[in-house]
C-alpha atoms as a PDB file:
ATOM      1  CA  MET A   1      -3.993  35.393  -4.556  1.00  0.00           C
ATOM      2  CA  GLN A   2      -5.341  32.500  -2.247  1.00  0.00           C
ATOM      3  CA  ILE A   3      -3.680  29.101  -1.989  1.00  0.00           C
ATOM      4  CA  ASP A   4      -5.456  25.869   0.008  1.00  0.00           C
ATOM      5  CA  THR A   5      -2.624  25.239   2.279  1.00  0.00           C
ATOM      6  CA  ARG A   6      -3.606  21.350   3.080  1.00  0.00           C
ATOM      7  CA  GLU A   7      -3.827  21.061  -0.955  1.00  0.00           C
ATOM      8  CA  LEU A   8      -0.411  22.524  -0.861  1.00  0.00           C
ATOM      9  CA  ALA A   9       1.010  20.260   2.203  1.00  0.00           C
ATOM     10  CA  CYS A  10      -0.621  16.817   0.280  1.00  0.00           C
ATOM     11  CA  GLY A  11       1.040  17.806  -3.180  1.00  0.00           C
ATOM     12  CA  GLY A  12       4.311  18.918  -1.438  1.00  0.00           C
ATOM     13  CA  LEU A  13       4.467  15.715   0.484  1.00  0.00           C
ATOM     14  CA  PHE A  14       3.816  13.581  -2.899  1.00  0.00           C
ATOM     15  CA  VAL A  15       6.709  15.065  -4.492  1.00  0.00           C
ATOM     16  CA  ALA A  16       8.743  14.760  -1.581  1.00  0.00           C
ATOM     17  CA  PHE A  17       8.463  11.136  -1.371  1.00  0.00           C
ATOM     18  CA  ALA A  18       8.492  11.422  -5.311  1.00  0.00           C
ATOM     19  CA  ALA A  19      11.859  12.768  -5.304  1.00  0.00           C
ATOM     20  CA  ALA A  20      13.311  10.452  -2.233  1.00  0.00           C
ATOM     21  CA  PHE A  21      11.952   7.115  -4.343  1.00  0.00           C
ATOM     22  CA  ALA A  22      13.180   9.232  -7.771  1.00  0.00           C
ATOM     23  CA  TYR A  23      17.036   9.385  -5.791  1.00  0.00           C
ATOM     24  CA  GLY A  24      17.049   6.164  -4.602  1.00  0.00           C
ATOM     25  CA  THR A  25      17.015   4.681  -8.322  1.00  0.00           C
ATOM     26  CA  VAL A  26      19.955   6.874  -9.102  1.00  0.00           C
ATOM     27  CA  ASP A  27      22.244   3.156  -8.749  1.00  0.00           C
ATOM     28  CA  LEU A  28      20.388   1.115 -10.463  1.00  0.00           C
ATOM     29  CA  PRO A  29      20.417   0.222 -14.120  1.00  0.00           C
ATOM     30  CA  LEU A  30      17.187   1.497 -15.952  1.00  0.00           C
ATOM     31  CA  GLY A  31      17.131  -0.581 -19.108  1.00  0.00           C
ATOM     32  CA  SER A  32      14.475   0.416 -21.797  1.00  0.00           C
ATOM     33  CA  ALA A  33      10.555   0.033 -21.886  1.00  0.00           C
ATOM     34  CA  LEU A  34      10.877  -3.000 -23.529  1.00  0.00           C
ATOM     35  CA  ARG A  35      14.126  -4.546 -21.257  1.00  0.00           C
ATOM     36  CA  MET A  36      13.403  -3.064 -18.103  1.00  0.00           C
ATOM     37  CA  GLY A  37      16.247  -2.758 -15.163  1.00  0.00           C
ATOM     38  CA  PRO A  38      15.712  -2.749 -11.773  1.00  0.00           C
ATOM     39  CA  GLY A  39      15.085   1.288 -11.203  1.00  0.00           C
ATOM     40  CA  TYR A  40      13.125   1.506 -14.404  1.00  0.00           C
ATOM     41  CA  PHE A  41       9.670   0.704 -12.642  1.00  0.00           C
ATOM     42  CA  PRO A  42      10.140   2.293  -9.275  1.00  0.00           C
ATOM     43  CA  LEU A  43      11.547   5.444 -11.439  1.00  0.00           C
ATOM     44  CA  MET A  44       8.315   5.960 -13.455  1.00  0.00           C
ATOM     45  CA  LEU A  45       6.232   5.182  -9.647  1.00  0.00           C
ATOM     46  CA  ALA A  46       8.407   7.896  -8.340  1.00  0.00           C
ATOM     47  CA  ILE A  47       7.419  10.410 -11.742  1.00  0.00           C
ATOM     48  CA  ILE A  48       3.678   9.333 -11.727  1.00  0.00           C
ATOM     49  CA  LEU A  49       3.586  10.545  -7.894  1.00  0.00           C
ATOM     50  CA  GLY A  50       5.579  13.621  -8.591  1.00  0.00           C
ATOM     51  CA  VAL A  51       3.083  14.325 -11.283  1.00  0.00           C
ATOM     52  CA  LEU A  52       0.247  14.111  -9.005  1.00  0.00           C
ATOM     53  CA  GLY A  53       1.738  15.963  -6.605  1.00  0.00           C
ATOM     54  CA  LEU A  54       2.515  18.949  -8.755  1.00  0.00           C
ATOM     55  CA  ILE A  55      -1.478  18.537 -10.036  1.00  0.00           C
ATOM     56  CA  ILE A  56      -2.681  18.689  -6.814  1.00  0.00           C
ATOM     57  CA  ILE A  57      -0.202  21.878  -5.955  1.00  0.00           C
ATOM     58  CA  PHE A  58      -1.406  23.305  -9.072  1.00  0.00           C
ATOM     59  CA  LYS A  59      -5.473  22.750  -7.737  1.00  0.00           C
ATOM     60  CA  GLY A  60      -4.659  24.179  -4.742  1.00  0.00           C
ATOM     61  CA  LEU A  61      -4.063  27.638  -6.009  1.00  0.00           C
ATOM     62  CA  GLY A  62      -6.366  30.037  -6.199  1.00  0.00           C
ATOM     63  CA  ARG A  63      -8.575  27.609  -3.917  1.00  0.00           C
ATOM     64  CA  ALA A  64      -9.892  29.397  -0.778  1.00  0.00           C
ATOM     65  CA  PRO A  65      -7.451  28.028   2.393  1.00  0.00           C
ATOM     66  CA  SER A  66      -9.198  25.128   3.992  1.00  0.00           C
ATOM     67  CA  PRO A  67      -7.837  24.178   7.717  1.00  0.00           C
ATOM     68  CA  ILE A  68      -5.776  21.446   8.002  1.00  0.00           C
ATOM     69  CA  GLY A  69      -7.667  19.212  10.851  1.00  0.00           C
ATOM     70  CA  GLY A  70      -6.500  16.792  13.028  1.00  0.00           C
ATOM     71  CA  VAL A  71      -4.283  13.341  12.362  1.00  0.00           C
ATOM     72  CA  PRO A  72      -6.990  10.412  11.741  1.00  0.00           C
ATOM     73  CA  TRP A  73      -5.217   8.191  14.207  1.00  0.00           C
ATOM     74  CA  ARG A  74      -6.666   5.065  14.209  1.00  0.00           C
ATOM     75  CA  GLY A  75      -6.448   4.792  10.575  1.00  0.00           C
ATOM     76  CA  LEU A  76      -2.804   6.079  10.603  1.00  0.00           C
ATOM     77  CA  LEU A  77      -2.214   3.213  13.312  1.00  0.00           C
ATOM     78  CA  PHE A  78      -3.812   0.279  11.264  1.00  0.00           C
ATOM     79  CA  ILE A  79      -2.872   1.030   7.984  1.00  0.00           C
ATOM     80  CA  LEU A  80       0.942   1.338   8.690  1.00  0.00           C
ATOM     81  CA  ALA A  81       0.638  -1.850  10.993  1.00  0.00           C
ATOM     82  CA  GLY A  82      -1.127  -4.061   7.923  1.00  0.00           C
ATOM     83  CA  PRO A  83       2.912  -3.979   5.984  1.00  0.00           C
ATOM     84  CA  ILE A  84       4.434  -4.802   8.799  1.00  0.00           C
ATOM     85  CA  VAL A  85       1.755  -7.642  10.025  1.00  0.00           C
ATOM     86  CA  PHE A  86       2.443  -8.760   6.830  1.00  0.00           C
ATOM     87  CA  GLY A  87       6.019  -9.392   6.541  1.00  0.00           C
ATOM     88  CA  LEU A  88       6.478 -10.402   9.886  1.00  0.00           C
ATOM     89  CA  THR A  89       3.697 -13.212   9.470  1.00  0.00           C
ATOM     90  CA  VAL A  90       3.822 -14.344   5.687  1.00  0.00           C
ATOM     91  CA  ARG A  91       6.367 -17.102   6.034  1.00  0.00           C
ATOM     92  CA  GLY A  92       5.343 -18.483   9.336  1.00  0.00           C
ATOM     93  CA  LEU A  93       1.110 -18.452   8.831  1.00  0.00           C
ATOM     94  CA  GLY A  94       1.558 -18.557   4.738  1.00  0.00           C
ATOM     95  CA  LEU A  95       0.251 -16.303   1.807  1.00  0.00           C
ATOM     96  CA  ALA A  96      -3.652 -16.661   2.314  1.00  0.00           C
ATOM     97  CA  ALA A  97      -3.320 -16.068   6.190  1.00  0.00           C
ATOM     98  CA  ALA A  98      -0.997 -13.292   6.108  1.00  0.00           C
ATOM     99  CA  ILE A  99      -3.535 -11.683   3.538  1.00  0.00           C
ATOM    100  CA  ALA A 100      -6.382 -12.504   5.788  1.00  0.00           C
ATOM    101  CA  LEU A 101      -5.139 -10.714   9.030  1.00  0.00           C
ATOM    102  CA  VAL A 102      -3.673  -8.093   6.993  1.00  0.00           C
ATOM    103  CA  ALA A 103      -7.028  -7.077   5.779  1.00  0.00           C
ATOM    104  CA  ALA A 104      -9.223  -7.705   8.972  1.00  0.00           C
ATOM    105  CA  ILE A 105      -6.153  -5.291  10.405  1.00  0.00           C
ATOM    106  CA  ALA A 106      -6.712  -2.916   7.302  1.00  0.00           C
ATOM    107  CA  THR A 107     -10.586  -2.438   7.912  1.00  0.00           C
ATOM    108  CA  LEU A 108     -10.385  -1.659  11.532  1.00  0.00           C
ATOM    109  CA  ALA A 109      -8.897   1.578  10.522  1.00  0.00           C
ATOM    110  CA  SER A 110     -12.763   3.153   9.341  1.00  0.00           C
ATOM    111  CA  ALA A 111     -14.893   3.083  12.070  1.00  0.00           C
ATOM    112  CA  ARG A 112     -17.908   3.162  10.089  1.00  0.00           C
ATOM    113  CA  ALA A 113     -16.711  -0.952   8.957  1.00  0.00           C
ATOM    114  CA  GLY A 114     -18.484  -3.503  10.794  1.00  0.00           C
ATOM    115  CA  ILE A 115     -18.183  -7.038  11.573  1.00  0.00           C
ATOM    116  CA  ARG A 116     -20.005  -8.004   8.351  1.00  0.00           C
ATOM    117  CA  LEU A 117     -17.735  -5.482   6.024  1.00  0.00           C
ATOM    118  CA  MET A 118     -14.557  -7.041   7.882  1.00  0.00           C
ATOM    119  CA  LEU A 119     -15.665 -10.444   6.880  1.00  0.00           C
ATOM    120  CA  LEU A 120     -16.338  -9.570   3.026  1.00  0.00           C
ATOM    121  CA  LEU A 121     -13.525  -7.657   2.539  1.00  0.00           C
ATOM    122  CA  THR A 122     -11.523 -10.411   4.154  1.00  0.00           C
ATOM    123  CA  LEU A 123     -12.518 -13.086   2.543  1.00  0.00           C
ATOM    124  CA  SER A 124     -12.554 -10.947  -0.854  1.00  0.00           C
ATOM    125  CA  LEU A 125      -9.025  -9.216  -1.016  1.00  0.00           C
ATOM    126  CA  THR A 126      -7.703 -13.324   0.219  1.00  0.00           C
ATOM    127  CA  VAL A 127      -8.788 -15.071  -2.906  1.00  0.00           C
ATOM    128  CA  PHE A 128      -7.928 -12.291  -4.943  1.00  0.00           C
ATOM    129  CA  CYS A 129      -4.720 -12.282  -3.597  1.00  0.00           C
ATOM    130  CA  VAL A 130      -4.576 -15.645  -3.812  1.00  0.00           C
ATOM    131  CA  ILE A 131      -5.600 -16.325  -7.203  1.00  0.00           C
ATOM    132  CA  VAL A 132      -3.154 -13.079  -8.767  1.00  0.00           C
ATOM    133  CA  PHE A 133      -0.062 -13.501  -6.360  1.00  0.00           C
ATOM    134  CA  SER A 134       0.257 -17.679  -5.842  1.00  0.00           C
ATOM    135  CA  TYR A 135      -1.681 -18.720  -8.837  1.00  0.00           C
ATOM    136  CA  GLY A 136      -1.189 -16.127 -11.524  1.00  0.00           C
ATOM    137  CA  LEU A 137       2.228 -14.785 -10.913  1.00  0.00           C
ATOM    138  CA  GLY A 138       3.594 -18.106  -9.090  1.00  0.00           C
ATOM    139  CA  LEU A 139       5.308 -16.102  -5.957  1.00  0.00           C
ATOM    140  CA  PRO A 140       7.089 -18.707  -4.197  1.00  0.00           C
ATOM    141  CA  TYR A 141       5.178 -18.861  -0.833  1.00  0.00           C
ATOM    142  CA  ALA A 142       2.963 -21.584   0.603  1.00  0.00           C
ATOM    143  CA  LEU A 143       0.023 -20.505   1.081  1.00  0.00           C
ATOM    144  CA  VAL A 144      -0.313 -21.937   4.404  1.00  0.00           C
ATOM    145  CA  GLY A 145       2.662 -21.839   6.354  1.00  0.00           C
ATOM    146  CA  PRO A 146       4.486 -23.990   9.143  1.00  0.00           C
ATOM    147  CA  TRP A 147       3.136 -22.444  12.126  1.00  0.00           C
ATOM    148  CA  LEU A 148      -0.325 -23.459  10.817  1.00  0.00           C
ATOM    149  CA  THR A 149       0.633 -26.701   9.044  1.00  0.00           C
ATOM    150  CA  PRO A 150      -0.306 -28.578  12.779  1.00  0.00           C
ATOM    151  CA  PHE A 151      -3.822 -27.798  13.053  1.00  0.00           C
ATOM    152  CA  LEU A 152      -4.741 -28.699   9.273  1.00  0.00           C
ATOM    153  CA  PRO A 153      -6.462 -32.230   9.198  1.00  0.00           C
ATOM    154  CA  GLY A 154      -4.694 -35.187   8.185  1.00  0.00           C
ATOM    155  CA  ARG A 155      -1.513 -33.629   9.129  1.00  0.00           C
END
C-alpha cells in the first residue's frame, strides 16, 4: 500500500493542532448549543479541524508518494507577521488602519501579487472588516486610533 507522505504530514499536523486546541478547552464550561459557554466554540472548531485532518490522512492512503518541497519562507514570514502586527497596532492606529496594514503585509506573501492587487485587496478587506466588526458586531475598537488623530483635518 502506498502512502503520500505529504498528505500524511499535513493531516497529522491538523490532527495534532486540533488535539492541542481541544485540550485547551478542558477547563472551560461548554454549555449547550443554545447556551454556548466559552469552551463550546473553540471545541467545535477543534473537532472540525481534527475531522479535516483525518480526511486528509485518509485521502493520502493509496496515493503515490509525493516529495515534500521546500518551505515557502516568504509566505510564512508575511502571513505570520500579520496577526502580530495587528495585535501591536490595533489600539494605536485604530481598526481601519490596522486592518489595512495587515492586508497589505499579507498580500506581500505572494510573489505574484502586484501593487494593484495589493491596493484592491487592502481596500476591499478593510471596508468589509470595518462594516462587519465595527458596525455589524459593534466591537469596541476605534476606527481611527490615537496615533493617527493628530493627522486628521480639523484636529
